[in-house]
Amino acid sequence: MPDRTPPSIWLLALLAPILAVQGRIVRRGAVRLREPDGPRAGRTGAGPSLRLLIAGDSSAAGVGADTQAEALSGRLVGE
């Protein structure tokens, strides 16, 4: 029977060492930013309860804000 391995598998196998080195370089050079201080859970307002999940990266973590109240979650709550 002929080999039916897709060409992309062979290409990935050939590029794997290069991709591994590039991954290490990027990871070593990536800047880690500080998350703001403040509570990451709580309750505010009146009325029926609403649960909100903010999934994401630095925007969801609040990177760049001084406090969690100034971050995305704090702005959505609108204290």
PDB file of N, CA and C in Angstrom:
ATOM      1  N   MET A   1       0.840  -1.187   0.000  1.00  0.00           N
ATOM      2  CA  MET A   1       0.000   0.000   0.000  1.00  0.00           C
ATOM      3  C   MET A   1       0.883   1.247   0.000  1.00  0.00           C
ATOM      4  N   PRO A   2       0.499   2.262  -0.727  1.00  0.00           N
ATOM      5  CA  PRO A   2       1.267   3.512  -0.740  1.00  0.00           C
ATOM      6  C   PRO A   2       1.070   4.285   0.559  1.00  0.00           C
ATOM      7  N   ASP A   3       2.058   5.088   0.881  1.00  0.00           N
ATOM      8  CA  ASP A   3       1.997   5.930   2.082  1.00  0.00           C
ATOM      9  C   ASP A   3       1.011   7.062   1.849  1.00  0.00           C
ATOM     10  N   ARG A   4      -0.004   7.159   2.705  1.00  0.00           N
ATOM     11  CA  ARG A   4      -1.054   8.180   2.556  1.00  0.00           C
ATOM     12  C   ARG A   4      -0.916   9.299   3.585  1.00  0.00           C
ATOM     13  N   THR A   5       0.265   9.501   4.131  1.00  0.00           N
ATOM     14  CA  THR A   5       0.485  10.573   5.097  1.00  0.00           C
ATOM     15  C   THR A   5       0.376  11.915   4.382  1.00  0.00           C
ATOM     16  N   PRO A   6      -0.449  12.833   4.921  1.00  0.00           N
ATOM     17  CA  PRO A   6      -0.589  14.137   4.263  1.00  0.00           C
ATOM     18  C   PRO A   6       0.740  14.896   4.244  1.00  0.00           C
ATOM     19  N   PRO A   7       0.981  15.653   3.179  1.00  0.00           N
ATOM     20  CA  PRO A   7       2.238  16.403   3.081  1.00  0.00           C
ATOM     21  C   PRO A   7       2.456  17.375   4.236  1.00  0.00           C
ATOM     22  N   SER A   8       1.394  17.889   4.828  1.00  0.00           N
ATOM     23  CA  SER A   8       1.547  18.855   5.916  1.00  0.00           C
ATOM     24  C   SER A   8       2.231  18.226   7.128  1.00  0.00           C
ATOM     25  N   ILE A   9       2.031  16.941   7.353  1.00  0.00           N
ATOM     26  CA  ILE A   9       2.683  16.252   8.470  1.00  0.00           C
ATOM     27  C   ILE A   9       4.191  16.233   8.254  1.00  0.00           C
ATOM     28  N   TRP A  10       4.612  15.959   7.032  1.00  0.00           N
ATOM     29  CA  TRP A  10       6.042  15.930   6.718  1.00  0.00           C
ATOM     30  C   TRP A  10       6.644  17.326   6.846  1.00  0.00           C
ATOM     31  N   LEU A  11       5.929  18.316   6.393  1.00  0.00           N
ATOM     32  CA  LEU A  11       6.411  19.694   6.493  1.00  0.00           C
ATOM     33  C   LEU A  11       6.563  20.100   7.960  1.00  0.00           C
ATOM     34  N   LEU A  12       5.581  19.742   8.791  1.00  0.00           N
ATOM     35  CA  LEU A  12       5.657  20.049  10.213  1.00  0.00           C
ATOM     36  C   LEU A  12       6.842  19.335  10.859  1.00  0.00           C
ATOM     37  N   ALA A  13       7.077  18.106  10.477  1.00  0.00           N
ATOM     38  CA  ALA A  13       8.205  17.352  11.029  1.00  0.00           C
ATOM     39  C   ALA A  13       9.535  18.009  10.648  1.00  0.00           C
ATOM     40  N   LEU A  14       9.627  18.537   9.450  1.00  0.00           N
ATOM     41  CA  LEU A  14      10.852  19.196   9.015  1.00  0.00           C
ATOM     42  C   LEU A  14      11.051  20.546   9.711  1.00  0.00           C
ATOM     43  N   LEU A  15       9.951  21.246   9.968  1.00  0.00           N
ATOM     44  CA  LEU A  15      10.039  22.576  10.565  1.00  0.00           C
ATOM     45  C   LEU A  15      10.034  22.568  12.092  1.00  0.00           C
ATOM     46  N   ALA A  16       9.771  21.435  12.712  1.00  0.00           N
ATOM     47  CA  ALA A  16       9.649  21.360  14.169  1.00  0.00           C
ATOM     48  C   ALA A  16      10.857  21.927  14.913  1.00  0.00           C
ATOM     49  N   PRO A  17      12.095  21.611  14.536  1.00  0.00           N
ATOM     50  CA  PRO A  17      13.223  22.188  15.272  1.00  0.00           C
ATOM     51  C   PRO A  17      13.290  23.716  15.171  1.00  0.00           C
ATOM     52  N   ILE A  18      12.990  24.242  14.004  1.00  0.00           N
ATOM     53  CA  ILE A  18      13.005  25.702  13.821  1.00  0.00           C
ATOM     54  C   ILE A  18      11.897  26.342  14.648  1.00  0.00           C
ATOM     55  N   LEU A  19      10.712  25.752  14.637  1.00  0.00           N
ATOM     56  CA  LEU A  19       9.589  26.290  15.394  1.00  0.00           C
ATOM     57  C   LEU A  19       9.860  26.235  16.897  1.00  0.00           C
ATOM     58  N   ALA A  20      10.530  25.192  17.354  1.00  0.00           N
ATOM     59  CA  ALA A  20      10.855  25.079  18.773  1.00  0.00           C
ATOM     60  C   ALA A  20      11.811  26.191  19.204  1.00  0.00           C
ATOM     61  N   VAL A  21      12.820  26.473  18.393  1.00  0.00           N
ATOM     62  CA  VAL A  21      13.772  27.536  18.707  1.00  0.00           C
ATOM     63  C   VAL A  21      13.064  28.893  18.695  1.00  0.00           C
ATOM     64  N   GLN A  22      12.230  29.128  17.695  1.00  0.00           N
ATOM     65  CA  GLN A  22      11.491  30.388  17.629  1.00  0.00           C
ATOM     66  C   GLN A  22      10.583  30.556  18.844  1.00  0.00           C
ATOM     67  N   GLY A  23       9.937  29.483  19.269  1.00  0.00           N
ATOM     68  CA  GLY A  23       9.061  29.539  20.437  1.00  0.00           C
ATOM     69  C   GLY A  23       9.820  29.923  21.691  1.00  0.00           C
ATOM     70  N   ARG A  24      11.010  29.352  21.864  1.00  0.00           N
ATOM     71  CA  ARG A  24      11.829  29.695  23.030  1.00  0.00           C
ATOM     72  C   ARG A  24      12.262  31.156  23.000  1.00  0.00           C
ATOM     73  N   ILE A  25      12.627  31.649  21.838  1.00  0.00           N
ATOM     74  CA  ILE A  25      13.063  33.045  21.709  1.00  0.00           C
ATOM     75  C   ILE A  25      11.911  33.993  22.050  1.00  0.00           C
ATOM     76  N   VAL A  26      10.742  33.705  21.520  1.00  0.00           N
ATOM     77  CA  VAL A  26       9.580  34.560  21.780  1.00  0.00           C
ATOM     78  C   VAL A  26       9.210  34.524  23.257  1.00  0.00           C
ATOM     79  N   ARG A  27       9.219  33.340  23.844  1.00  0.00           N
ATOM     80  CA  ARG A  27       8.850  33.221  25.253  1.00  0.00           C
ATOM     81  C   ARG A  27       9.842  33.942  26.154  1.00  0.00           C
ATOM     82  N   ARG A  28      11.120  33.860  25.836  1.00  0.00           N
ATOM     83  CA  ARG A  28      12.144  34.522  26.633  1.00  0.00           C
ATOM     84  C   ARG A  28      12.032  36.040  26.508  1.00  0.00           C
ATOM     85  N   GLY A  29      11.656  36.534  25.348  1.00  0.00           N
ATOM     86  CA  GLY A  29      11.612  37.974  25.119  1.00  0.00           C
ATOM     87  C   GLY A  29      10.282  38.628  25.429  1.00  0.00           C
ATOM     88  N   ALA A  30       9.271  37.827  25.771  1.00  0.00           N
ATOM     89  CA  ALA A  30       7.949  38.386  26.031  1.00  0.00           C
ATOM     90  C   ALA A  30       7.949  39.196  27.326  1.00  0.00           C
ATOM     91  N   VAL A  31       7.285  40.315  27.309  1.00  0.00           N
ATOM     92  CA  VAL A  31       7.192  41.183  28.481  1.00  0.00           C
ATOM     93  C   VAL A  31       6.019  40.713  29.340  1.00  0.00           C
ATOM     94  N   ARG A  32       6.268  40.535  30.617  1.00  0.00           N
ATOM     95  CA  ARG A  32       5.203  40.163  31.545  1.00  0.00           C
ATOM     96  C   ARG A  32       4.770  41.414  32.294  1.00  0.00           C
ATOM     97  N   LEU A  33       3.521  41.770  32.116  1.00  0.00           N
ATOM     98  CA  LEU A  33       2.998  42.993  32.726  1.00  0.00           C
ATOM     99  C   LEU A  33       2.234  42.681  34.007  1.00  0.00           C
ATOM    100  N   ARG A  34       2.258  43.614  34.933  1.00  0.00           N
ATOM    101  CA  ARG A  34       1.617  43.466  36.232  1.00  0.00           C
ATOM    102  C   ARG A  34       0.110  43.673  36.128  1.00  0.00           C
ATOM    103  N   GLU A  35      -0.633  42.818  36.833  1.00  0.00           N
ATOM    104  CA  GLU A  35      -2.075  42.999  36.934  1.00  0.00           C
ATOM    105  C   GLU A  35      -2.362  44.017  38.031  1.00  0.00           C
ATOM    106  N   PRO A  36      -3.445  44.784  37.912  1.00  0.00           N
ATOM    107  CA  PRO A  36      -3.743  45.796  38.932  1.00  0.00           C
ATOM    108  C   PRO A  36      -4.217  45.179  40.244  1.00  0.00           C
ATOM    109  N   ASP A  37      -4.052  45.941  41.320  1.00  0.00           N
ATOM    110  CA  ASP A  37      -4.521  45.507  42.637  1.00  0.00           C
ATOM    111  C   ASP A  37      -6.027  45.666  42.722  1.00  0.00           C
ATOM    112  N   GLY A  38      -6.618  44.931  43.632  1.00  0.00           N
ATOM    113  CA  GLY A  38      -8.050  45.052  43.878  1.00  0.00           C
ATOM    114  C   GLY A  38      -8.745  43.715  43.793  1.00  0.00           C
ATOM    115  N   PRO A  39      -9.982  43.671  44.286  1.00  0.00           N
ATOM    116  CA  PRO A  39     -10.731  42.410  44.284  1.00  0.00           C
ATOM    117  C   PRO A  39     -11.117  41.992  42.864  1.00  0.00           C
ATOM    118  N   ARG A  40     -11.127  40.701  42.642  1.00  0.00           N
ATOM    119  CA  ARG A  40     -11.505  40.161  41.337  1.00  0.00           C
ATOM    120  C   ARG A  40     -12.883  39.502  41.373  1.00  0.00           C
ATOM    121  N   ALA A  41     -13.545  39.605  42.490  1.00  0.00           N
ATOM    122  CA  ALA A  41     -14.892  39.071  42.643  1.00  0.00           C
ATOM    123  C   ALA A  41     -15.636  39.954  43.624  1.00  0.00           C
ATOM    124  N   GLY A  42     -16.944  39.956  43.527  1.00  0.00           N
ATOM    125  CA  GLY A  42     -17.734  40.751  44.457  1.00  0.00           C
ATOM    126  C   GLY A  42     -19.141  40.966  43.945  1.00  0.00           C
ATOM    127  N   ARG A  43     -19.879  41.780  44.686  1.00  0.00           N
ATOM    128  CA  ARG A  43     -21.265  42.094  44.336  1.00  0.00           C
ATOM    129  C   ARG A  43     -21.465  43.594  44.417  1.00  0.00           C
ATOM    130  N   THR A  44     -22.305  44.101  43.561  1.00  0.00           N
ATOM    131  CA  THR A  44     -22.653  45.513  43.596  1.00  0.00           C
ATOM    132  C   THR A  44     -24.025  45.688  42.955  1.00  0.00           C
ATOM    133  N   GLY A  45     -24.679  46.774  43.269  1.00  0.00           N
ATOM    134  CA  GLY A  45     -25.964  47.077  42.653  1.00  0.00           C
ATOM    135  C   GLY A  45     -27.133  46.391  43.312  1.00  0.00           C
ATOM    136  N   ALA A  46     -28.296  46.557  42.704  1.00  0.00           N
ATOM    137  CA  ALA A  46     -29.531  45.955  43.194  1.00  0.00           C
ATOM    138  C   ALA A  46     -30.213  45.237  42.039  1.00  0.00           C
ATOM    139  N   GLY A  47     -31.157  44.389  42.377  1.00  0.00           N
ATOM    140  CA  GLY A  47     -31.871  43.657  41.348  1.00  0.00           C
ATOM    141  C   GLY A  47     -31.444  42.205  41.293  1.00  0.00           C
ATOM    142  N   PRO A  48     -31.896  41.500  40.267  1.00  0.00           N
ATOM    143  CA  PRO A  48     -31.562  40.083  40.170  1.00  0.00           C
ATOM    144  C   PRO A  48     -30.060  39.877  39.949  1.00  0.00           C
ATOM    145  N   SER A  49     -29.574  38.756  40.441  1.00  0.00           N
ATOM    146  CA  SER A  49     -28.146  38.447  40.290  1.00  0.00           C
ATOM    147  C   SER A  49     -27.805  38.177  38.834  1.00  0.00           C
ATOM    148  N   LEU A  50     -26.625  38.585  38.472  1.00  0.00           N
ATOM    149  CA  LEU A  50     -26.114  38.353  37.128  1.00  0.00           C
ATOM    150  C   LEU A  50     -24.672  37.895  37.271  1.00  0.00           C
ATOM    151  N   ARG A  51     -24.368  36.766  36.694  1.00  0.00           N
ATOM    152  CA  ARG A  51     -22.988  36.274  36.725  1.00  0.00           C
ATOM    153  C   ARG A  51     -22.340  36.598  35.395  1.00  0.00           C
ATOM    154  N   LEU A  52     -21.117  37.077  35.462  1.00  0.00           N
ATOM    155  CA  LEU A  52     -20.404  37.511  34.272  1.00  0.00           C
ATOM    156  C   LEU A  52     -19.012  36.900  34.267  1.00  0.00           C
ATOM    157  N   LEU A  53     -18.652  36.286  33.174  1.00  0.00           N
ATOM    158  CA  LEU A  53     -17.314  35.725  33.010  1.00  0.00           C
ATOM    159  C   LEU A  53     -16.614  36.511  31.920  1.00  0.00           C
ATOM    160  N   ILE A  54     -15.462  37.060  32.250  1.00  0.00           N
ATOM    161  CA  ILE A  54     -14.649  37.774  31.270  1.00  0.00           C
ATOM    162  C   ILE A  54     -13.474  36.875  30.938  1.00  0.00           C
ATOM    163  N   ALA A  55     -13.468  36.344  29.752  1.00  0.00           N
ATOM    164  CA  ALA A  55     -12.390  35.455  29.324  1.00  0.00           C
ATOM    165  C   ALA A  55     -11.512  36.209  28.336  1.00  0.00           C
ATOM    166  N   GLY A  56     -10.241  36.028  28.472  1.00  0.00           N
ATOM    167  CA  GLY A  56      -9.350  36.713  27.547  1.00  0.00           C
ATOM    168  C   GLY A  56      -7.930  36.737  28.066  1.00  0.00           C
ATOM    169  N   ASP A  57      -7.217  37.709  27.627  1.00  0.00           N
ATOM    170  CA  ASP A  57      -5.808  37.803  27.976  1.00  0.00           C
ATOM    171  C   ASP A  57      -5.575  39.023  28.863  1.00  0.00           C
ATOM    172  N   SER A  58      -4.725  39.907  28.451  1.00  0.00           N
ATOM    173  CA  SER A  58      -4.367  41.052  29.283  1.00  0.00           C
ATOM    174  C   SER A  58      -5.540  42.006  29.498  1.00  0.00           C
ATOM    175  N   SER A  59      -6.414  42.126  28.542  1.00  0.00           N
ATOM    176  CA  SER A  59      -7.570  43.009  28.719  1.00  0.00           C
ATOM    177  C   SER A  59      -8.480  42.513  29.827  1.00  0.00           C
ATOM    178  N   ALA A  60      -8.703  41.219  29.874  1.00  0.00           N
ATOM    179  CA  ALA A  60      -9.549  40.642  30.920  1.00  0.00           C
ATOM    180  C   ALA A  60      -8.860  40.715  32.275  1.00  0.00           C
ATOM    181  N   ALA A  61      -7.544  40.610  32.306  1.00  0.00           N
ATOM    182  CA  ALA A  61      -6.796  40.668  33.566  1.00  0.00           C
ATOM    183  C   ALA A  61      -6.702  42.096  34.099  1.00  0.00           C
ATOM    184  N   GLY A  62      -6.881  43.083  33.243  1.00  0.00           N
ATOM    185  CA  GLY A  62      -6.821  44.470  33.675  1.00  0.00           C
ATOM    186  C   GLY A  62      -5.456  45.100  33.535  1.00  0.00           C
ATOM    187  N   VAL A  63      -4.588  44.493  32.738  1.00  0.00           N
ATOM    188  CA  VAL A  63      -3.237  45.032  32.557  1.00  0.00           C
ATOM    189  C   VAL A  63      -3.332  46.445  31.992  1.00  0.00           C
ATOM    190  N   GLY A  64      -2.588  47.354  32.595  1.00  0.00           N
ATOM    191  CA  GLY A  64      -2.578  48.742  32.147  1.00  0.00           C
ATOM    192  C   GLY A  64      -3.403  49.656  33.032  1.00  0.00           C
ATOM    193  N   ALA A  65      -4.288  49.091  33.832  1.00  0.00           N
ATOM    194  CA  ALA A  65      -5.095  49.892  34.756  1.00  0.00           C
ATOM    195  C   ALA A  65      -4.400  49.944  36.110  1.00  0.00           C
ATOM    196  N   ASP A  66      -4.662  50.993  36.874  1.00  0.00           N
ATOM    197  CA  ASP A  66      -4.074  51.122  38.204  1.00  0.00           C
ATOM    198  C   ASP A  66      -4.779  50.239  39.224  1.00  0.00           C
ATOM    199  N   THR A  67      -6.097  50.083  39.080  1.00  0.00           N
ATOM    200  CA  THR A  67      -6.875  49.243  39.993  1.00  0.00           C
ATOM    201  C   THR A  67      -7.852  48.405  39.192  1.00  0.00           C
ATOM    202  N   GLN A  68      -8.411  47.373  39.829  1.00  0.00           N
ATOM    203  CA  GLN A  68      -9.413  46.546  39.147  1.00  0.00           C
ATOM    204  C   GLN A  68     -10.680  47.353  38.837  1.00  0.00           C
ATOM    205  N   ALA A  69     -10.958  48.380  39.624  1.00  0.00           N
ATOM    206  CA  ALA A  69     -12.135  49.223  39.368  1.00  0.00           C
ATOM    207  C   ALA A  69     -12.006  49.973  38.043  1.00  0.00           C
ATOM    208  N   GLU A  70     -10.758  50.252  37.624  1.00  0.00           N
ATOM    209  CA  GLU A  70     -10.522  50.941  36.360  1.00  0.00           C
ATOM    210  C   GLU A  70     -10.365  49.980  35.187  1.00  0.00           C
ATOM    211  N   ALA A  71     -10.280  48.697  35.480  1.00  0.00           N
ATOM    212  CA  ALA A  71     -10.120  47.686  34.437  1.00  0.00           C
ATOM    213  C   ALA A  71     -11.470  47.374  33.802  1.00  0.00           C
ATOM    214  N   LEU A  72     -11.476  46.477  32.839  1.00  0.00           N
ATOM    215  CA  LEU A  72     -12.700  46.124  32.113  1.00  0.00           C
ATOM    216  C   LEU A  72     -13.805  45.669  33.051  1.00  0.00           C
ATOM    217  N   SER A  73     -13.483  44.769  33.975  1.00  0.00           N
ATOM    218  CA  SER A  73     -14.516  44.259  34.885  1.00  0.00           C
ATOM    219  C   SER A  73     -15.094  45.364  35.768  1.00  0.00           C
ATOM    220  N   GLY A  74     -14.238  46.245  36.254  1.00  0.00           N
ATOM    221  CA  GLY A  74     -14.716  47.355  37.079  1.00  0.00           C
ATOM    222  C   GLY A  74     -15.583  48.324  36.298  1.00  0.00           C
ATOM    223  N   ARG A  75     -15.240  48.554  35.057  1.00  0.00           N
ATOM    224  CA  ARG A  75     -16.051  49.465  34.215  1.00  0.00           C
ATOM    225  C   ARG A  75     -17.403  48.852  33.883  1.00  0.00           C
ATOM    226  N   LEU A  76     -17.444  47.543  33.677  1.00  0.00           N
ATOM    227  CA  LEU A  76     -18.723  46.892  33.380  1.00  0.00           C
ATOM    228  C   LEU A  76     -19.655  46.917  34.583  1.00  0.00           C
ATOM    229  N   VAL A  77     -19.088  46.792  35.774  1.00  0.00           N
ATOM    230  CA  VAL A  77     -19.894  46.816  36.993  1.00  0.00           C
ATOM    231  C   VAL A  77     -20.425  48.219  37.230  1.00  0.00           C
ATOM    232  N   GLY A  78     -19.608  49.233  36.933  1.00  0.00           N
ATOM    233  CA  GLY A  78     -20.062  50.614  37.049  1.00  0.00           C
ATOM    234  C   GLY A  78     -20.322  51.051  38.463  1.00  0.00           C
ATOM    235  N   GLU A  79     -19.396  50.759  39.354  1.00  0.00           N
ATOM    236  CA  GLU A  79     -19.577  51.150  40.758  1.00  0.00           C
ATOM    237  C   GLU A  79     -19.661  52.632  40.904  1.00  0.00           C
TER     238      GLU A  79
END
